Amino acid sequence: MYVPAPFRVSEREEMHALMRARPFATLVSAGPSGLTATHVPTMLKTAEGGAGVIECHLARANPHWKDFVGGLGALMIFHGAEGYIRPGWYPSKARDGKVVPTWNYATVHAHGRAEAIDDAGWLATHVAELTHQQEHDQPAPWATTDAPQSFIDILLRNIVGLRFDVERLEASFKMSQNREGTDRDGRRRPRQRCQGREPRQIPQKIARRK
C-alpha cells in the first residue's frame, strides 16, 4: 500500500486498536481461481506475541475457503473512519483559495498466511468467542448457549474456519496532517461535518494525529 510519510502509522498497538474497533474486514487472496475477496467478521488475538493472529470463518458454500487448504498468502483490509472533506472547511480557502476537496480515512492492511480449519470443536469455540466480542457490552448479551445445541450444530456445519497468521502490518491514517495548523483546527470544529461513515470520528482523529 502506498502510504505518504505524514500518514504512516508504525505503532502496532494503534493498528491493533483499529482492527479491534472495526473487525469487519475484507479478505483478499490470489488462488487457483484468480483474485478473490470475501468480507468477514474477525477476531484479533495477540497473546502469542508478534503481529497477531486473526480468526474468522467463511460460508462453506463460498468456494474461496478452498484456496486456503494447506495455507495461502493473503491480505486482510480493515477500514476505519472515513469522510469527504470540503474545501470550504479550510480557513485558508478565504485567504488564498489554494484548496481542493479530499478524503480523510484510516485503514490497516494485514499481510500474512491463512489456513482453512474444518474442525467442529475449533469452530464452536470461535463463534462463541466472536459472539462474546460483539455482545459483551450489551445490557443482556446473547451467547451461543442461548440457542438449542442441535441448531448451533447445524449452523457450524455450514461454515469453515480460517486462521490468519499476521506477518506484517501497515497503516495509513490520513487525517489532514499535510495541512497547516489553522486548516486542521478548522476541520475539527464541531459545527462542521464531513460526509461519510462515522463523521464525528474524523475531527477526533485529526486532533490525535497533529
C-alpha atoms as a PDB file:
ATOM      1  CA  MET A   1       0.000   0.000   0.000  1.00  0.00           C
ATOM      2  CA  TYR A   2       1.293   3.449  -0.875  1.00  0.00           C
ATOM      3  CA  VAL A   3       1.473   5.493   2.344  1.00  0.00           C
ATOM      4  CA  PRO A   4       2.863   9.070   2.278  1.00  0.00           C
ATOM      5  CA  ALA A   5       5.114   9.755   5.262  1.00  0.00           C
ATOM      6  CA  PRO A   6       2.732  12.161   7.079  1.00  0.00           C
ATOM      7  CA  PHE A   7       0.022   9.487   7.172  1.00  0.00           C
ATOM      8  CA  ARG A   8       2.164   6.470   8.066  1.00  0.00           C
ATOM      9  CA  VAL A   9       1.452   4.638  11.338  1.00  0.00           C
ATOM     10  CA  SER A  10       4.157   2.433  12.811  1.00  0.00           C
ATOM     11  CA  GLU A  11       2.809   1.764  16.322  1.00  0.00           C
ATOM     12  CA  ARG A  12       1.489  -1.806  16.386  1.00  0.00           C
ATOM     13  CA  GLU A  13      -0.853  -1.036  19.291  1.00  0.00           C
ATOM     14  CA  GLU A  14      -2.544   1.718  17.295  1.00  0.00           C
ATOM     15  CA  MET A  15      -3.057  -0.584  14.323  1.00  0.00           C
ATOM     16  CA  HIS A  16      -4.404  -3.342  16.574  1.00  0.00           C
ATOM     17  CA  ALA A  17      -6.822  -0.847  18.131  1.00  0.00           C
ATOM     18  CA  LEU A  18      -8.375  -0.074  14.739  1.00  0.00           C
ATOM     19  CA  MET A  19      -8.572  -3.762  13.859  1.00  0.00           C
ATOM     20  CA  ARG A  20     -10.472  -4.434  17.076  1.00  0.00           C
ATOM     21  CA  ALA A  21     -12.721  -1.396  16.749  1.00  0.00           C
ATOM     22  CA  ARG A  22     -13.614  -2.221  13.127  1.00  0.00           C
ATOM     23  CA  PRO A  23     -13.472  -6.052  12.986  1.00  0.00           C
ATOM     24  CA  PHE A  24     -15.421  -6.468   9.731  1.00  0.00           C
ATOM     25  CA  ALA A  25     -12.585  -6.909   7.242  1.00  0.00           C
ATOM     26  CA  THR A  26     -12.010  -7.701   3.574  1.00  0.00           C
ATOM     27  CA  LEU A  27     -10.055 -10.912   2.931  1.00  0.00           C
ATOM     28  CA  VAL A  28      -8.207 -10.888  -0.401  1.00  0.00           C
ATOM     29  CA  SER A  29      -6.165 -13.673  -1.999  1.00  0.00           C
ATOM     30  CA  ALA A  30      -4.937 -14.851  -5.379  1.00  0.00           C
ATOM     31  CA  GLY A  31      -5.592 -18.572  -5.679  1.00  0.00           C
ATOM     32  CA  PRO A  32      -6.166 -21.086  -8.470  1.00  0.00           C
ATOM     33  CA  SER A  33      -9.436 -19.343  -9.424  1.00  0.00           C
ATOM     34  CA  GLY A  34      -7.809 -15.909  -9.557  1.00  0.00           C
ATOM     35  CA  LEU A  35      -8.140 -12.841  -7.354  1.00  0.00           C
ATOM     36  CA  THR A  36     -10.950 -13.287  -4.804  1.00  0.00           C
ATOM     37  CA  ALA A  37     -12.318 -11.151  -1.968  1.00  0.00           C
ATOM     38  CA  THR A  38     -14.641 -12.070   0.880  1.00  0.00           C
ATOM     39  CA  HIS A  39     -15.974  -9.819   3.654  1.00  0.00           C
ATOM     40  CA  VAL A  40     -15.665 -11.433   7.081  1.00  0.00           C
ATOM     41  CA  PRO A  41     -16.147 -10.615  10.776  1.00  0.00           C
ATOM     42  CA  THR A  42     -12.860 -11.167  12.569  1.00  0.00           C
ATOM     43  CA  MET A  43     -11.261 -11.650  15.963  1.00  0.00           C
ATOM     44  CA  LEU A  44      -7.712 -10.470  16.579  1.00  0.00           C
ATOM     45  CA  LYS A  45      -5.623 -12.413  19.089  1.00  0.00           C
ATOM     46  CA  THR A  46      -2.252 -11.143  20.295  1.00  0.00           C
ATOM     47  CA  ALA A  47      -1.452 -13.466  23.212  1.00  0.00           C
ATOM     48  CA  GLU A  48       1.088 -15.359  21.097  1.00  0.00           C
ATOM     49  CA  GLY A  49       3.037 -12.156  20.508  1.00  0.00           C
ATOM     50  CA  GLY A  50       4.220 -10.867  17.159  1.00  0.00           C
ATOM     51  CA  ALA A  51       1.863  -9.037  14.836  1.00  0.00           C
ATOM     52  CA  GLY A  52      -1.063 -11.203  15.916  1.00  0.00           C
ATOM     53  CA  VAL A  53      -3.403 -13.924  14.717  1.00  0.00           C
ATOM     54  CA  ILE A  54      -6.761 -13.222  13.082  1.00  0.00           C
ATOM     55  CA  GLU A  55      -9.540 -15.783  13.314  1.00  0.00           C
ATOM     56  CA  CYS A  56     -12.622 -15.724  11.108  1.00  0.00           C
ATOM     57  CA  HIS A  57     -14.925 -18.015   9.146  1.00  0.00           C
ATOM     58  CA  LEU A  58     -16.416 -18.304   5.679  1.00  0.00           C
ATOM     59  CA  ALA A  59     -19.616 -19.906   4.452  1.00  0.00           C
ATOM     60  CA  ARG A  60     -18.954 -23.465   3.324  1.00  0.00           C
ATOM     61  CA  ALA A  61     -20.856 -22.628   0.135  1.00  0.00           C
ATOM     62  CA  ASN A  62     -18.248 -19.941  -0.619  1.00  0.00           C
ATOM     63  CA  PRO A  63     -15.501 -21.639  -2.691  1.00  0.00           C
ATOM     64  CA  HIS A  64     -12.959 -19.063  -1.516  1.00  0.00           C
ATOM     65  CA  TRP A  65     -12.169 -21.144   1.588  1.00  0.00           C
ATOM     66  CA  LYS A  66     -10.837 -23.998  -0.545  1.00  0.00           C
ATOM     67  CA  ASP A  67      -7.922 -21.787  -1.635  1.00  0.00           C
ATOM     68  CA  PHE A  68      -6.665 -21.879   1.969  1.00  0.00           C
ATOM     69  CA  VAL A  69      -6.499 -25.646   2.378  1.00  0.00           C
ATOM     70  CA  GLY A  70      -2.837 -26.214   3.197  1.00  0.00           C
ATOM     71  CA  GLY A  71      -2.252 -22.475   3.616  1.00  0.00           C
ATOM     72  CA  LEU A  72      -2.002 -19.492   1.272  1.00  0.00           C
ATOM     73  CA  GLY A  73      -0.658 -15.951   1.448  1.00  0.00           C
ATOM     74  CA  ALA A  74      -3.405 -13.364   1.773  1.00  0.00           C
ATOM     75  CA  LEU A  75      -4.277  -9.793   2.680  1.00  0.00           C
ATOM     76  CA  MET A  76      -6.859  -8.507   5.143  1.00  0.00           C
ATOM     77  CA  ILE A  77      -8.035  -4.898   4.908  1.00  0.00           C
ATOM     78  CA  PHE A  78      -9.556  -3.171   7.938  1.00  0.00           C
ATOM     79  CA  HIS A  79     -11.451   0.047   7.249  1.00  0.00           C
ATOM     80  CA  GLY A  80     -11.689   2.757   9.899  1.00  0.00           C
ATOM     81  CA  ALA A  81     -13.484   6.094   9.902  1.00  0.00           C
ATOM     82  CA  GLU A  82     -13.568   7.925   6.568  1.00  0.00           C
ATOM     83  CA  GLY A  83     -15.179  11.012   5.108  1.00  0.00           C
ATOM     84  CA  TYR A  84     -15.201  13.601   2.340  1.00  0.00           C
ATOM     85  CA  ILE A  85     -13.556  16.927   3.232  1.00  0.00           C
ATOM     86  CA  ARG A  86     -14.990  20.072   1.639  1.00  0.00           C
ATOM     87  CA  PRO A  87     -12.619  22.901   0.628  1.00  0.00           C
ATOM     88  CA  GLY A  88     -14.843  25.415   2.424  1.00  0.00           C
ATOM     89  CA  TRP A  89     -13.965  23.856   5.770  1.00  0.00           C
ATOM     90  CA  TYR A  90     -10.367  25.088   5.457  1.00  0.00           C
ATOM     91  CA  PRO A  91      -9.781  28.672   6.704  1.00  0.00           C
ATOM     92  CA  SER A  92      -7.056  29.077   4.064  1.00  0.00           C
ATOM     93  CA  LYS A  93      -9.729  28.990   1.336  1.00  0.00           C
ATOM     94  CA  ALA A  94     -10.788  32.527   2.283  1.00  0.00           C
ATOM     95  CA  ARG A  95      -7.157  33.679   2.277  1.00  0.00           C
ATOM     96  CA  ASP A  96      -5.775  32.367  -0.991  1.00  0.00           C
ATOM     97  CA  GLY A  97      -8.221  29.814  -2.435  1.00  0.00           C
ATOM     98  CA  LYS A  98      -5.462  27.190  -2.709  1.00  0.00           C
ATOM     99  CA  VAL A  99      -7.525  24.254  -1.515  1.00  0.00           C
ATOM    100  CA  VAL A 100      -9.229  21.297  -3.174  1.00  0.00           C
ATOM    101  CA  PRO A 101     -11.583  18.563  -1.941  1.00  0.00           C
ATOM    102  CA  THR A 102     -10.035  15.465  -0.397  1.00  0.00           C
ATOM    103  CA  TRP A 103     -10.949  12.354   1.554  1.00  0.00           C
ATOM    104  CA  ASN A 104      -9.749  11.530   5.058  1.00  0.00           C
ATOM    105  CA  TYR A 105      -9.602   7.910   6.127  1.00  0.00           C
ATOM    106  CA  ALA A 106      -7.936   5.321   8.320  1.00  0.00           C
ATOM    107  CA  THR A 107      -7.090   1.816   7.145  1.00  0.00           C
ATOM    108  CA  VAL A 108      -4.903  -1.101   8.212  1.00  0.00           C
ATOM    109  CA  HIS A 109      -3.574  -3.801   5.894  1.00  0.00           C
ATOM    110  CA  ALA A 110      -2.614  -7.133   7.454  1.00  0.00           C
ATOM    111  CA  HIS A 111      -0.337  -9.330   5.327  1.00  0.00           C
ATOM    112  CA  GLY A 112       0.119 -12.966   6.216  1.00  0.00           C
ATOM    113  CA  ARG A 113      -0.715 -16.594   5.620  1.00  0.00           C
ATOM    114  CA  ALA A 114      -4.162 -18.092   6.118  1.00  0.00           C
ATOM    115  CA  GLU A 115      -5.149 -21.712   6.575  1.00  0.00           C
ATOM    116  CA  ALA A 116      -8.604 -23.294   6.469  1.00  0.00           C
ATOM    117  CA  ILE A 117      -9.759 -25.078   9.629  1.00  0.00           C
ATOM    118  CA  ASP A 118     -12.550 -27.607   9.206  1.00  0.00           C
ATOM    119  CA  ASP A 119     -12.890 -28.738  12.804  1.00  0.00           C
ATOM    120  CA  ALA A 120     -16.191 -28.672  14.706  1.00  0.00           C
ATOM    121  CA  GLY A 121     -14.572 -28.035  18.099  1.00  0.00           C
ATOM    122  CA  TRP A 122     -12.469 -25.136  16.818  1.00  0.00           C
ATOM    123  CA  LEU A 123     -15.475 -23.606  15.066  1.00  0.00           C
ATOM    124  CA  ALA A 124     -17.675 -23.883  18.184  1.00  0.00           C
ATOM    125  CA  THR A 125     -15.065 -22.060  20.262  1.00  0.00           C
ATOM    126  CA  HIS A 126     -14.523 -19.476  17.533  1.00  0.00           C
ATOM    127  CA  VAL A 127     -18.162 -18.477  17.091  1.00  0.00           C
ATOM    128  CA  ALA A 128     -18.647 -18.371  20.877  1.00  0.00           C
ATOM    129  CA  GLU A 129     -15.652 -16.029  21.255  1.00  0.00           C
ATOM    130  CA  LEU A 130     -16.657 -13.909  18.269  1.00  0.00           C
ATOM    131  CA  THR A 131     -20.172 -13.560  19.660  1.00  0.00           C
ATOM    132  CA  HIS A 132     -18.809 -12.546  23.073  1.00  0.00           C
ATOM    133  CA  GLN A 133     -16.590  -9.946  21.407  1.00  0.00           C
ATOM    134  CA  GLN A 134     -19.631  -8.276  19.859  1.00  0.00           C
ATOM    135  CA  GLU A 135     -22.169  -8.875  22.653  1.00  0.00           C
ATOM    136  CA  HIS A 136     -20.223  -8.428  25.904  1.00  0.00           C
ATOM    137  CA  ASP A 137     -21.126  -4.755  26.405  1.00  0.00           C
ATOM    138  CA  GLN A 138     -24.850  -5.174  25.743  1.00  0.00           C
ATOM    139  CA  PRO A 139     -27.381  -4.955  28.628  1.00  0.00           C
ATOM    140  CA  ALA A 140     -28.422  -8.563  28.027  1.00  0.00           C
ATOM    141  CA  PRO A 141     -25.627 -10.162  25.980  1.00  0.00           C
ATOM    142  CA  TRP A 142     -26.554 -13.093  23.774  1.00  0.00           C
ATOM    143  CA  ALA A 143     -24.409 -16.231  23.802  1.00  0.00           C
ATOM    144  CA  THR A 144     -24.355 -19.284  21.584  1.00  0.00           C
ATOM    145  CA  THR A 145     -25.540 -21.300  24.580  1.00  0.00           C
ATOM    146  CA  ASP A 146     -28.847 -19.384  24.410  1.00  0.00           C
ATOM    147  CA  ALA A 147     -29.801 -21.329  21.270  1.00  0.00           C
ATOM    148  CA  PRO A 148     -30.520 -25.078  21.101  1.00  0.00           C
ATOM    149  CA  GLN A 149     -27.271 -27.001  20.653  1.00  0.00           C
ATOM    150  CA  SER A 150     -28.773 -29.038  17.797  1.00  0.00           C
ATOM    151  CA  PHE A 151     -29.499 -25.786  15.961  1.00  0.00           C
ATOM    152  CA  ILE A 152     -25.969 -24.467  16.538  1.00  0.00           C
ATOM    153  CA  ASP A 153     -24.503 -27.764  15.322  1.00  0.00           C
ATOM    154  CA  ILE A 154     -26.376 -27.431  12.025  1.00  0.00           C
ATOM    155  CA  LEU A 155     -25.079 -23.903  11.510  1.00  0.00           C
ATOM    156  CA  LEU A 156     -21.496 -24.917  12.354  1.00  0.00           C
ATOM    157  CA  ARG A 157     -21.577 -27.500   9.592  1.00  0.00           C
ATOM    158  CA  ASN A 158     -22.262 -24.695   7.134  1.00  0.00           C
ATOM    159  CA  ILE A 159     -19.071 -22.709   7.844  1.00  0.00           C
ATOM    160  CA  VAL A 160     -15.318 -23.250   7.606  1.00  0.00           C
ATOM    161  CA  GLY A 161     -12.823 -21.555   9.913  1.00  0.00           C
ATOM    162  CA  LEU A 162      -9.758 -19.586   8.956  1.00  0.00           C
ATOM    163  CA  ARG A 163      -6.606 -18.853  10.951  1.00  0.00           C
ATOM    164  CA  PHE A 164      -4.650 -15.913   9.555  1.00  0.00           C
ATOM    165  CA  ASP A 165      -1.103 -15.567  10.905  1.00  0.00           C
ATOM    166  CA  VAL A 166      -0.172 -11.907  10.504  1.00  0.00           C
ATOM    167  CA  GLU A 167       3.362 -11.428   9.209  1.00  0.00           C
ATOM    168  CA  ARG A 168       3.302  -7.700   8.556  1.00  0.00           C
ATOM    169  CA  LEU A 169       1.050  -4.731   9.300  1.00  0.00           C
ATOM    170  CA  GLU A 170       0.909  -1.389   7.524  1.00  0.00           C
ATOM    171  CA  ALA A 171      -1.468   1.506   8.067  1.00  0.00           C
ATOM    172  CA  SER A 172      -2.461   4.853   6.636  1.00  0.00           C
ATOM    173  CA  PHE A 173      -4.275   7.347   8.861  1.00  0.00           C
ATOM    174  CA  LYS A 174      -4.874  10.316   6.567  1.00  0.00           C
ATOM    175  CA  MET A 175      -6.297  12.997   8.852  1.00  0.00           C
ATOM    176  CA  SER A 176      -5.227  16.319   7.311  1.00  0.00           C
ATOM    177  CA  GLN A 177      -1.677  16.068   8.714  1.00  0.00           C
ATOM    178  CA  ASN A 178      -0.417  17.671   5.476  1.00  0.00           C
ATOM    179  CA  ARG A 179      -2.440  20.835   6.088  1.00  0.00           C
ATOM    180  CA  GLU A 180      -1.275  23.827   8.095  1.00  0.00           C
ATOM    181  CA  GLY A 181      -2.377  24.145  11.724  1.00  0.00           C
ATOM    182  CA  THR A 182      -5.248  26.558  11.146  1.00  0.00           C
ATOM    183  CA  ASP A 183      -6.738  24.279   8.477  1.00  0.00           C
ATOM    184  CA  ARG A 184      -6.516  21.242  10.767  1.00  0.00           C
ATOM    185  CA  ASP A 185      -8.153  23.232  13.565  1.00  0.00           C
ATOM    186  CA  GLY A 186     -10.857  24.362  11.158  1.00  0.00           C
ATOM    187  CA  ARG A 187     -11.646  20.755  10.268  1.00  0.00           C
ATOM    188  CA  ARG A 188     -12.073  19.882  13.945  1.00  0.00           C
ATOM    189  CA  ARG A 189     -14.785  22.431  14.722  1.00  0.00           C
ATOM    190  CA  PRO A 190     -17.911  20.606  15.967  1.00  0.00           C
ATOM    191  CA  ARG A 191     -20.229  22.642  13.756  1.00  0.00           C
ATOM    192  CA  GLN A 192     -18.544  21.219  10.667  1.00  0.00           C
ATOM    193  CA  ARG A 193     -19.491  17.769   9.436  1.00  0.00           C
ATOM    194  CA  CYS A 194     -17.767  15.508   6.962  1.00  0.00           C
ATOM    195  CA  GLN A 195     -19.658  13.282   4.575  1.00  0.00           C
ATOM    196  CA  GLY A 196     -19.061   9.554   5.022  1.00  0.00           C
ATOM    197  CA  ARG A 197     -19.067   6.832   7.641  1.00  0.00           C
ATOM    198  CA  GLU A 198     -18.643   7.863  11.260  1.00  0.00           C
ATOM    199  CA  PRO A 199     -18.310  11.606  10.512  1.00  0.00           C
ATOM    200  CA  ARG A 200     -17.949  12.517  14.185  1.00  0.00           C
ATOM    201  CA  GLN A 201     -14.792  10.416  14.473  1.00  0.00           C
ATOM    202  CA  ILE A 202     -12.905  12.367  11.809  1.00  0.00           C
ATOM    203  CA  PRO A 203     -12.416  15.578  13.862  1.00  0.00           C
ATOM    204  CA  GLN A 204     -11.377  13.477  16.884  1.00  0.00           C
ATOM    205  CA  LYS A 205      -8.795  11.598  14.841  1.00  0.00           C
ATOM    206  CA  ILE A 206      -7.487  14.822  13.296  1.00  0.00           C
ATOM    207  CA  ALA A 207      -6.848  16.134  16.798  1.00  0.00           C
ATOM    208  CA  ARG A 208      -4.942  12.973  17.778  1.00  0.00           C
ATOM    209  CA  ARG A 209      -2.814  12.962  14.606  1.00  0.00           C
ATOM    210  CA  LYS A 210      -1.487  16.555  14.994  1.00  0.00           C
END
